[in-house]
Amino acid sequence: MTMKFRANEVLNGKYTTRNTVKTIFLVPFTLLLIMLPLSFMRNSHESTPEISSVRVRRLNNTEIKQCNIFSGRWIHNPAEPYYNNETCHWIIDQQNCIKFGRPDREYLHWRWKPDECDLPLFNATQFLNLMRGKKMAFVGDSVGRNQMQSLLCLLSHVSQPEDVSHKYSSDVMYFKRYFYHDYNFTLGNLWSPYFVRSSDADPKGHTYNSIMKLYLDEADEAWTSQVANFDIVIISSGQWFFRPLLLYEGGQLVGCNKCGMENVEDLTYYYGYRKAFRTAFKALNSLERYKGVTFLRTFSPAHFEDGDWNKGGKCVRTRPFTRDEMRLDGYIQEMYVTQVEEFLEAQREATKRDLKFLMMNTTEIMLLRPDGHPNHYGHSQDKNVTLNDCVHWCLPGPVDTWNEFLLYMLDMQSDAYYTSKPERIF
């Protein structure tokens, strides 16, 4: 049975951001091939197109240029955001920073500018037309759901969906379905923060730090039983793997993360993170009925400063970092590399079935946005929880950029298929 976290699903990481300029950890040559999209490899113009580049049409479709939309900088933008807490009713209180009194507005006035091209503004009509007759699902944790709620707001000035969640699940809080009648488009999320089967291991019940059992080689049926019905799947997860975990493979306990048990090897969170993504990708590649396009949205960093998430950590910055002030290293780099290695292997397998695996490479981009979190300007569903939220993202806010990426990539993939195959996939 999939574990349900009924509180604020916020703060499972224990990491803080330092004020000093970060230095870059050296990685083996094999990993350098993976890290090409990142800032410390920007001098290279060769990268895996499926990961870091999107095909850009030029000169009436006669010239194709590779543009790495994930390499760039945040630039100041005086324009108002696409929506606000009054024009979009889909914002949940947990990310409604304006409603609950965040006094500054500077975080709303930054746009992502790729080095080699321009990222178009989000066009709701274009998105809905591309998705006409399709189904899209966000699979993973509440940061993925955060992106889905951003998308609901971005589309809201063109079309309002019907919430049809009750037709598909009794757990309508964690398994949402929205139907856009005018476009025959379904948008939903399938809740599975670990992707694999999980259960509470603490006899005292579930808390922020209670220990969980993860069965790393058993995909969670809560999402695998439904995902074949979707045409586009955006998969993401991260912060949940920092909590205490007992790790099982083949039905046997193989180790743990932060369990503090004698005679049980501490394998750290990287081990479980790698195996869970491996199992999730394997499930997508092996489901006979699944013919969809899979996006991996990479790890979204937290920005706790002056303490861990449960020890007074907070995120009070009001401006982005520059690329010189903050570089990818430490645990964030390790989480990213772990994902990419598993993605590349799954992508190779996917080509054998003519499946499309794409990467939305947002890790470094969001590392530069410590100003975009709710901190204490969100309102927990559990009123007894007062922890600062430096994991999720304010709405509106920098998370809206993820959906600009999504539209851009979907549009380019549609054009690429149209020009190379008899039939379009979008």
Protein backbone atom coordinates (compact mmCIF):
# COMPACT_ATOMS: atom_id res chain seq x y z
CA MET A 1 0.00 0.00 0.00
CA THR A 2 1.33 3.44 -0.87
CA MET A 3 2.10 5.58 2.15
CA LYS A 4 0.03 8.75 2.48
CA PHE A 5 1.53 11.74 4.30
CA ARG A 6 -1.37 13.81 5.57
CA ALA A 7 0.61 16.73 6.89
CA ASN A 8 2.74 19.21 5.01
CA GLU A 9 4.96 16.80 2.98
CA VAL A 10 7.45 19.57 3.13
CA LEU A 11 10.65 19.13 4.78
CA ASN A 12 12.33 15.81 4.49
CA GLY A 13 15.79 17.15 3.61
CA LYS A 14 18.34 18.20 6.21
CA TYR A 15 20.53 20.40 4.10
CA THR A 16 21.49 24.04 4.34
CA THR A 17 22.78 26.51 1.78
CA ARG A 18 26.05 28.23 2.68
CA ASN A 19 26.57 31.92 2.11
CA THR A 20 30.03 31.43 0.70
CA VAL A 21 30.70 30.79 -2.96
CA LYS A 22 30.53 27.07 -3.69
CA THR A 23 33.39 25.18 -5.23
CA ILE A 24 32.99 22.42 -7.77
CA PHE A 25 33.72 18.82 -6.90
CA LEU A 26 35.75 16.94 -9.46
CA VAL A 27 34.04 13.91 -10.94
CA PRO A 28 35.40 11.06 -13.04
CA PHE A 29 35.66 11.53 -16.78
CA THR A 30 32.68 9.29 -17.39
CA LEU A 31 30.48 11.59 -15.32
CA LEU A 32 31.75 14.62 -17.21
CA LEU A 33 29.91 13.29 -20.24
CA ILE A 34 26.74 13.43 -18.19
CA MET A 35 27.32 16.85 -16.72
CA LEU A 36 27.64 18.71 -20.03
CA PRO A 37 24.43 20.71 -19.58
CA LEU A 38 25.65 22.31 -16.36
CA SER A 39 27.32 25.63 -15.82
CA PHE A 40 30.78 24.33 -15.13
CA MET A 41 30.79 22.69 -18.58
CA ARG A 42 29.44 25.67 -20.50
CA ASN A 43 32.55 25.98 -22.63
CA SER A 44 31.55 22.81 -24.45
CA HIS A 45 28.89 22.99 -27.14
CA GLU A 46 28.47 19.25 -27.54
CA SER A 47 25.90 17.51 -25.39
CA THR A 48 23.36 14.76 -25.58
CA PRO A 49 20.44 16.33 -27.45
CA GLU A 50 17.86 14.29 -25.56
CA ILE A 51 19.05 15.81 -22.29
CA SER A 52 20.18 19.35 -22.71
CA SER A 53 19.11 20.63 -26.08
CA VAL A 54 15.88 21.32 -27.88
CA ARG A 55 15.67 21.61 -31.64
CA VAL A 56 14.94 25.15 -32.76
CA ARG A 57 13.46 25.84 -36.18
CA ARG A 58 15.10 28.62 -38.18
CA LEU A 59 14.70 30.03 -41.68
CA ASN A 60 11.34 28.46 -42.52
CA ASN A 61 12.26 25.01 -41.17
CA THR A 62 15.33 24.75 -43.41
CA GLU A 63 17.87 25.02 -40.62
CA ILE A 64 17.91 23.18 -37.30
CA LYS A 65 19.94 24.57 -34.42
CA GLN A 66 20.62 22.90 -31.10
CA CYS A 67 19.77 25.29 -28.26
CA ASN A 68 20.51 24.33 -24.69
CA ILE A 69 17.54 25.99 -23.02
CA PHE A 70 18.78 24.83 -19.61
CA SER A 71 22.01 26.81 -19.74
CA GLY A 72 21.44 30.47 -19.00
CA ARG A 73 20.75 32.98 -16.27
CA TRP A 74 17.89 34.67 -14.46
CA ILE A 75 17.32 38.20 -15.73
CA HIS A 76 15.17 40.90 -14.17
CA ASN A 77 11.73 41.19 -15.75
CA PRO A 78 9.44 44.07 -14.71
CA ALA A 79 6.33 42.43 -16.20
CA GLU A 80 3.64 41.12 -13.90
CA PRO A 81 3.38 37.33 -13.48
CA TYR A 82 1.00 35.27 -15.59
CA TYR A 83 -1.52 35.08 -12.73
CA ASN A 84 -1.90 35.88 -9.05
CA ASN A 85 -3.76 34.54 -6.04
CA GLU A 86 -6.90 36.44 -7.04
CA THR A 87 -7.01 35.41 -10.71
CA CYS A 88 -6.25 31.71 -10.07
CA HIS A 89 -8.23 29.71 -7.54
CA TRP A 90 -6.15 26.55 -8.02
CA ILE A 91 -3.34 27.76 -5.73
CA ILE A 92 -3.33 25.78 -2.50
CA ASP A 93 -2.62 27.61 0.73
CA GLN A 94 0.68 25.80 1.18
CA GLN A 95 2.15 27.77 -1.75
CA ASN A 96 -0.02 30.89 -1.62
CA CYS A 97 2.72 33.26 -0.51
CA ILE A 98 0.91 36.47 -1.45
CA LYS A 99 -2.29 35.51 0.35
CA PHE A 100 -0.45 34.83 3.58
CA GLY A 101 1.49 38.04 3.70
CA ARG A 102 4.83 37.69 1.96
CA PRO A 103 5.81 41.38 1.86
CA ASP A 104 8.36 41.40 -0.98
CA ARG A 105 7.50 40.95 -4.67
CA GLU A 106 10.98 40.89 -6.19
CA TYR A 107 10.88 37.09 -6.56
CA LEU A 108 8.06 37.50 -9.10
CA HIS A 109 10.14 39.58 -11.52
CA TRP A 110 12.79 37.24 -12.88
CA ARG A 111 12.74 35.24 -16.11
CA TRP A 112 15.02 32.48 -17.32
CA LYS A 113 17.15 33.54 -20.30
CA PRO A 114 18.97 30.74 -22.15
CA ASP A 115 22.45 31.64 -23.37
CA GLU A 116 21.82 30.62 -26.99
CA CYS A 117 18.19 31.50 -27.65
CA ASP A 118 15.05 32.97 -26.10
CA LEU A 119 12.54 30.96 -24.11
CA PRO A 120 9.06 31.91 -25.35
CA LEU A 121 6.40 33.04 -22.94
CA PHE A 122 3.86 30.42 -21.97
CA ASN A 123 0.96 30.36 -24.42
CA ALA A 124 -2.05 28.65 -22.87
CA THR A 125 -3.97 28.32 -26.13
CA GLN A 126 -0.97 26.77 -27.87
CA PHE A 127 -0.48 24.33 -25.01
CA LEU A 128 -4.10 23.23 -24.98
CA ASN A 129 -4.15 22.78 -28.73
CA LEU A 130 -1.03 20.62 -28.56
CA MET A 131 -2.69 18.54 -25.84
CA ARG A 132 -6.05 18.22 -27.56
CA GLY A 133 -7.27 14.66 -27.09
CA LYS A 134 -4.31 13.78 -24.83
CA LYS A 135 -3.73 12.83 -21.20
CA MET A 136 -0.86 14.13 -19.09
CA ALA A 137 0.21 12.93 -15.63
CA PHE A 138 2.67 14.13 -13.03
CA VAL A 139 4.05 11.12 -11.17
CA GLY A 140 5.91 11.51 -7.89
CA ASP A 141 5.75 13.77 -4.86
CA SER A 142 4.22 17.14 -3.97
CA VAL A 143 6.90 19.15 -5.78
CA GLY A 144 5.63 17.53 -8.97
CA ARG A 145 2.12 18.39 -7.85
CA ASN A 146 3.41 21.95 -7.32
CA GLN A 147 4.22 22.03 -11.06
CA MET A 148 0.79 20.68 -11.94
CA GLN A 149 -0.88 23.42 -9.87
CA SER A 150 1.25 26.00 -11.68
CA LEU A 151 0.04 24.55 -14.99
CA LEU A 152 -3.59 24.77 -13.86
CA CYS A 153 -3.07 28.46 -13.17
CA LEU A 154 -1.24 29.10 -16.44
CA LEU A 155 -4.13 27.57 -18.37
CA SER A 156 -6.89 29.13 -16.29
CA HIS A 157 -7.34 32.36 -18.27
CA VAL A 158 -8.13 30.31 -21.39
CA SER A 159 -10.00 27.29 -20.02
CA GLN A 160 -11.19 25.99 -16.66
CA PRO A 161 -11.27 22.22 -16.14
CA GLU A 162 -13.72 20.06 -14.28
CA ASP A 163 -12.33 18.24 -11.28
CA VAL A 164 -13.22 14.61 -12.03
CA SER A 165 -10.91 13.03 -9.46
CA HIS A 166 -13.73 11.22 -7.71
CA LYS A 167 -14.39 9.16 -10.86
CA TYR A 168 -10.92 7.61 -10.67
CA SER A 169 -9.92 7.39 -7.02
CA SER A 170 -11.29 7.47 -3.51
CA ASP A 171 -8.18 9.39 -2.46
CA VAL A 172 -8.98 12.63 -4.25
CA MET A 173 -6.39 14.60 -2.29
CA TYR A 174 -3.43 12.69 -3.69
CA PHE A 175 -4.78 11.37 -6.99
CA LYS A 176 -6.19 14.28 -8.97
CA ARG A 177 -7.77 14.36 -12.44
CA TYR A 178 -8.87 17.51 -14.23
CA PHE A 179 -10.74 17.40 -17.53
CA TYR A 180 -10.75 20.23 -20.07
CA HIS A 181 -13.95 19.58 -21.99
CA ASP A 182 -13.24 22.02 -24.82
CA TYR A 183 -9.97 20.25 -25.61
CA ASN A 184 -10.69 16.69 -24.51
CA PHE A 185 -7.54 17.01 -22.38
CA THR A 186 -6.97 15.30 -19.04
CA LEU A 187 -4.41 16.57 -16.54
CA GLY A 188 -3.66 14.65 -13.37
CA ASN A 189 -1.17 13.53 -10.80
CA LEU A 190 -0.39 10.04 -9.53
CA TRP A 191 0.96 10.22 -6.00
CA SER A 192 4.02 8.06 -5.37
CA PRO A 193 6.91 9.89 -3.63
CA TYR A 194 9.18 6.82 -3.78
CA PHE A 195 7.92 5.20 -7.03
CA VAL A 196 8.29 1.83 -5.27
CA ARG A 197 6.16 -0.02 -2.76
CA SER A 198 6.45 1.56 0.68
CA SER A 199 4.93 1.26 4.13
CA ASP A 200 5.33 2.68 7.62
CA ALA A 201 7.79 0.75 9.77
CA ASP A 202 7.29 2.69 13.00
CA PRO A 203 4.70 1.04 15.29
CA LYS A 204 3.99 4.45 16.82
CA GLY A 205 2.65 5.71 13.54
CA HIS A 206 3.74 8.18 10.90
CA THR A 207 5.61 11.39 11.73
CA TYR A 208 8.08 13.61 9.88
CA ASN A 209 10.97 11.45 11.03
CA SER A 210 9.34 8.04 11.39
CA ILE A 211 11.07 5.23 9.56
CA MET A 212 9.72 3.82 6.31
CA LYS A 213 10.14 0.51 4.51
CA LEU A 214 11.01 0.73 0.81
CA TYR A 215 10.85 -2.33 -1.46
CA LEU A 216 13.29 -1.06 -4.04
CA ASP A 217 12.64 -3.66 -6.74
CA GLU A 218 8.83 -3.48 -6.57
CA ALA A 219 7.21 -0.61 -8.45
CA ASP A 220 4.28 1.03 -6.68
CA GLU A 221 1.06 -0.18 -8.27
CA ALA A 222 -0.65 3.07 -7.27
CA TRP A 223 0.90 4.66 -10.36
CA THR A 224 1.97 1.74 -12.55
CA SER A 225 -1.60 0.45 -12.71
CA GLN A 226 -2.76 3.76 -14.24
CA VAL A 227 0.18 5.27 -16.12
CA ALA A 228 -0.41 3.36 -19.38
CA ASN A 229 -3.51 5.48 -19.90
CA PHE A 230 -1.44 8.66 -20.28
CA ASP A 231 0.27 10.11 -23.34
CA ILE A 232 2.73 12.37 -21.50
CA VAL A 233 4.23 11.50 -18.12
CA ILE A 234 6.40 13.86 -16.05
CA ILE A 235 8.21 11.91 -13.36
CA SER A 236 10.07 13.50 -10.43
CA SER A 237 10.97 12.95 -6.79
CA GLY A 238 13.69 13.76 -4.30
CA GLN A 239 13.21 15.07 -0.78
CA TRP A 240 11.47 11.99 0.60
CA PHE A 241 14.63 9.92 0.22
CA PHE A 242 16.39 11.86 2.97
CA ARG A 243 14.14 10.49 5.71
CA PRO A 244 14.94 7.30 7.72
CA LEU A 245 14.43 4.29 5.47
CA LEU A 246 14.70 0.52 5.66
CA LEU A 247 15.69 -0.78 2.23
CA TYR A 248 14.48 -4.13 0.91
CA GLU A 249 15.33 -6.06 -2.25
CA GLY A 250 13.99 -9.49 -3.10
CA GLY A 251 11.93 -9.28 0.08
CA GLN A 252 15.09 -9.10 2.23
CA LEU A 253 16.46 -6.17 4.24
CA VAL A 254 19.69 -5.07 2.52
CA GLY A 255 20.44 -1.89 4.44
CA CYS A 256 19.02 1.43 5.49
CA ASN A 257 19.35 5.20 5.52
CA LYS A 258 19.65 6.88 8.94
CA CYS A 259 17.98 3.96 10.72
CA GLY A 260 20.53 3.74 13.57
CA MET A 261 20.06 -0.01 13.88
CA GLU A 262 22.80 -2.42 14.90
CA ASN A 263 23.95 -4.90 12.27
CA VAL A 264 22.14 -2.99 9.50
CA GLU A 265 24.42 -1.32 6.98
CA ASP A 266 23.78 2.36 6.33
CA LEU A 267 23.65 2.56 2.53
CA THR A 268 22.75 6.31 2.51
CA TYR A 269 19.95 7.92 0.56
CA TYR A 270 21.82 7.66 -2.77
CA TYR A 271 21.42 3.90 -2.83
CA GLY A 272 17.65 3.98 -2.41
CA TYR A 273 17.31 6.93 -4.77
CA ARG A 274 19.18 5.15 -7.54
CA LYS A 275 17.33 1.86 -7.15
CA ALA A 276 13.92 3.56 -6.99
CA PHE A 277 14.49 5.45 -10.24
CA ARG A 278 15.85 2.29 -11.83
CA THR A 279 12.68 0.43 -10.89
CA ALA A 280 10.44 3.28 -12.06
CA PHE A 281 12.13 3.56 -15.45
CA LYS A 282 12.12 -0.22 -15.84
CA ALA A 283 8.37 -0.23 -15.17
CA LEU A 284 7.75 2.40 -17.85
CA ASN A 285 9.88 0.51 -20.35
CA SER A 286 8.21 -2.83 -19.65
CA LEU A 287 4.53 -1.90 -19.57
CA GLU A 288 3.10 -3.24 -22.84
CA ARG A 289 0.30 -0.71 -23.03
CA TYR A 290 2.46 2.31 -22.25
CA LYS A 291 3.22 4.28 -25.41
CA GLY A 292 3.69 7.70 -23.84
CA VAL A 293 6.45 10.29 -23.85
CA THR A 294 8.32 10.31 -20.53
CA PHE A 295 9.90 13.44 -19.07
CA LEU A 296 12.27 13.28 -16.13
CA ARG A 297 12.13 16.61 -14.29
CA THR A 298 15.41 16.61 -12.38
CA PHE A 299 15.95 17.10 -8.65
CA SER A 300 14.59 20.31 -7.14
CA PRO A 301 16.97 21.65 -4.45
CA ALA A 302 15.90 22.93 -1.05
CA HIS A 303 17.40 26.16 0.34
CA PHE A 304 17.47 25.92 4.14
CA GLU A 305 19.88 28.35 5.78
CA ASP A 306 20.93 28.80 9.43
CA GLY A 307 19.77 25.33 10.36
CA ASP A 308 18.28 22.10 9.11
CA TRP A 309 14.63 21.83 8.12
CA ASN A 310 13.62 20.76 11.65
CA LYS A 311 16.10 22.97 13.52
CA GLY A 312 15.08 26.49 12.60
CA GLY A 313 16.25 26.48 8.99
CA LYS A 314 14.69 29.16 6.83
CA CYS A 315 14.86 30.75 3.37
CA VAL A 316 14.59 34.52 3.55
CA ARG A 317 16.50 35.64 0.46
CA THR A 318 14.68 37.96 -1.93
CA ARG A 319 16.88 37.69 -5.05
CA PRO A 320 18.33 34.86 -7.16
CA PHE A 321 21.94 33.78 -6.93
CA THR A 322 24.18 34.42 -9.90
CA ARG A 323 26.11 31.57 -11.50
CA ASP A 324 29.28 32.87 -9.81
CA GLU A 325 27.67 32.87 -6.37
CA MET A 326 26.28 29.34 -6.43
CA ARG A 327 27.56 26.27 -8.23
CA LEU A 328 26.33 22.71 -8.29
CA ASP A 329 28.22 20.53 -5.82
CA GLY A 330 27.82 18.31 -2.77
CA TYR A 331 24.64 16.35 -2.20
CA ILE A 332 22.69 18.22 -4.91
CA GLN A 333 25.27 17.24 -7.51
CA GLU A 334 25.16 13.64 -6.29
CA MET A 335 21.37 13.50 -6.50
CA TYR A 336 21.49 14.96 -9.99
CA VAL A 337 24.21 12.60 -11.23
CA THR A 338 22.38 9.59 -9.78
CA GLN A 339 19.23 10.52 -11.69
CA VAL A 340 21.04 11.20 -14.95
CA GLU A 341 22.93 7.91 -14.93
CA GLU A 342 19.71 5.96 -14.47
CA PHE A 343 17.91 8.10 -17.05
CA LEU A 344 20.58 7.52 -19.69
CA GLU A 345 20.39 3.76 -19.24
CA ALA A 346 16.58 3.82 -19.34
CA GLN A 347 16.66 6.03 -22.42
CA ARG A 348 18.83 3.47 -24.24
CA GLU A 349 16.33 0.75 -23.36
CA ALA A 350 13.40 2.94 -24.38
CA THR A 351 14.70 3.33 -27.94
CA LYS A 352 14.35 -0.42 -28.42
CA ARG A 353 10.58 0.01 -27.95
CA ASP A 354 10.44 3.29 -29.87
CA LEU A 355 9.58 5.11 -26.64
CA LYS A 356 10.65 8.70 -26.07
CA PHE A 357 12.50 9.66 -22.87
CA LEU A 358 13.34 13.36 -22.40
CA MET A 359 14.95 15.31 -19.59
CA MET A 360 13.77 18.62 -18.17
CA ASN A 361 17.03 19.67 -16.58
CA THR A 362 15.94 22.09 -13.84
CA THR A 363 18.36 21.31 -11.00
CA GLU A 364 20.96 24.04 -11.50
CA ILE A 365 18.31 26.50 -12.63
CA MET A 366 16.40 26.15 -9.37
CA LEU A 367 19.55 26.04 -7.25
CA LEU A 368 19.87 29.72 -8.22
CA ARG A 369 16.40 30.58 -6.81
CA PRO A 370 16.58 30.57 -3.00
CA ASP A 371 14.05 33.41 -3.09
CA GLY A 372 11.23 31.35 -4.58
CA HIS A 373 10.09 29.24 -1.59
CA PRO A 374 7.13 29.92 0.72
CA ASN A 375 9.29 29.84 3.89
CA HIS A 376 6.69 30.72 6.55
CA TYR A 377 4.39 32.49 4.09
CA GLY A 378 2.49 29.33 3.31
CA HIS A 379 -0.35 27.82 5.30
CA SER A 380 -0.11 24.15 6.16
CA GLN A 381 -3.09 21.86 5.81
CA ASP A 382 -2.14 20.72 9.30
CA LYS A 383 -2.44 23.86 11.42
CA ASN A 384 -0.20 22.36 14.13
CA VAL A 385 2.77 22.32 11.74
CA THR A 386 4.77 25.55 11.74
CA LEU A 387 7.95 24.46 9.93
CA ASN A 388 9.37 26.74 7.28
CA ASP A 389 8.89 25.44 3.74
CA CYS A 390 12.07 25.82 1.69
CA VAL A 391 11.26 22.83 -0.54
CA HIS A 392 8.13 23.82 -2.45
CA TRP A 393 7.73 26.93 -4.58
CA CYS A 394 5.47 29.96 -4.30
CA LEU A 395 2.67 30.32 -6.86
CA PRO A 396 3.11 32.37 -8.90
CA GLY A 397 6.87 32.00 -8.88
CA PRO A 398 9.91 30.43 -10.53
CA VAL A 399 8.19 27.04 -10.81
CA ASP A 400 6.12 28.53 -13.65
CA THR A 401 9.32 28.38 -15.70
CA TRP A 402 9.13 24.58 -15.63
CA ASN A 403 5.94 24.76 -17.65
CA GLU A 404 7.51 27.19 -20.10
CA PHE A 405 10.15 24.49 -20.62
CA LEU A 406 7.48 21.82 -20.92
CA LEU A 407 5.55 23.67 -23.62
CA TYR A 408 8.73 24.51 -25.51
CA MET A 409 9.89 20.90 -25.50
CA LEU A 410 6.49 19.50 -26.44
CA ASP A 411 6.23 21.94 -29.32
CA MET A 412 9.69 21.11 -30.63
CA GLN A 413 9.06 17.37 -30.33
CA SER A 414 5.81 17.74 -32.22
CA ASP A 415 7.57 19.57 -35.04
CA ALA A 416 10.42 17.06 -35.10
CA TYR A 417 8.00 14.15 -35.43
CA TYR A 418 5.93 15.97 -38.01
CA THR A 419 8.93 16.54 -40.26
CA SER A 420 10.43 13.05 -39.82
CA LYS A 421 7.45 10.71 -39.58
CA PRO A 422 4.17 10.27 -41.49
CA GLU A 423 2.09 10.84 -38.36
CA ARG A 424 2.37 13.31 -35.53
CA ILE A 425 2.48 12.14 -31.92
CA PHE A 426 1.05 15.40 -30.56
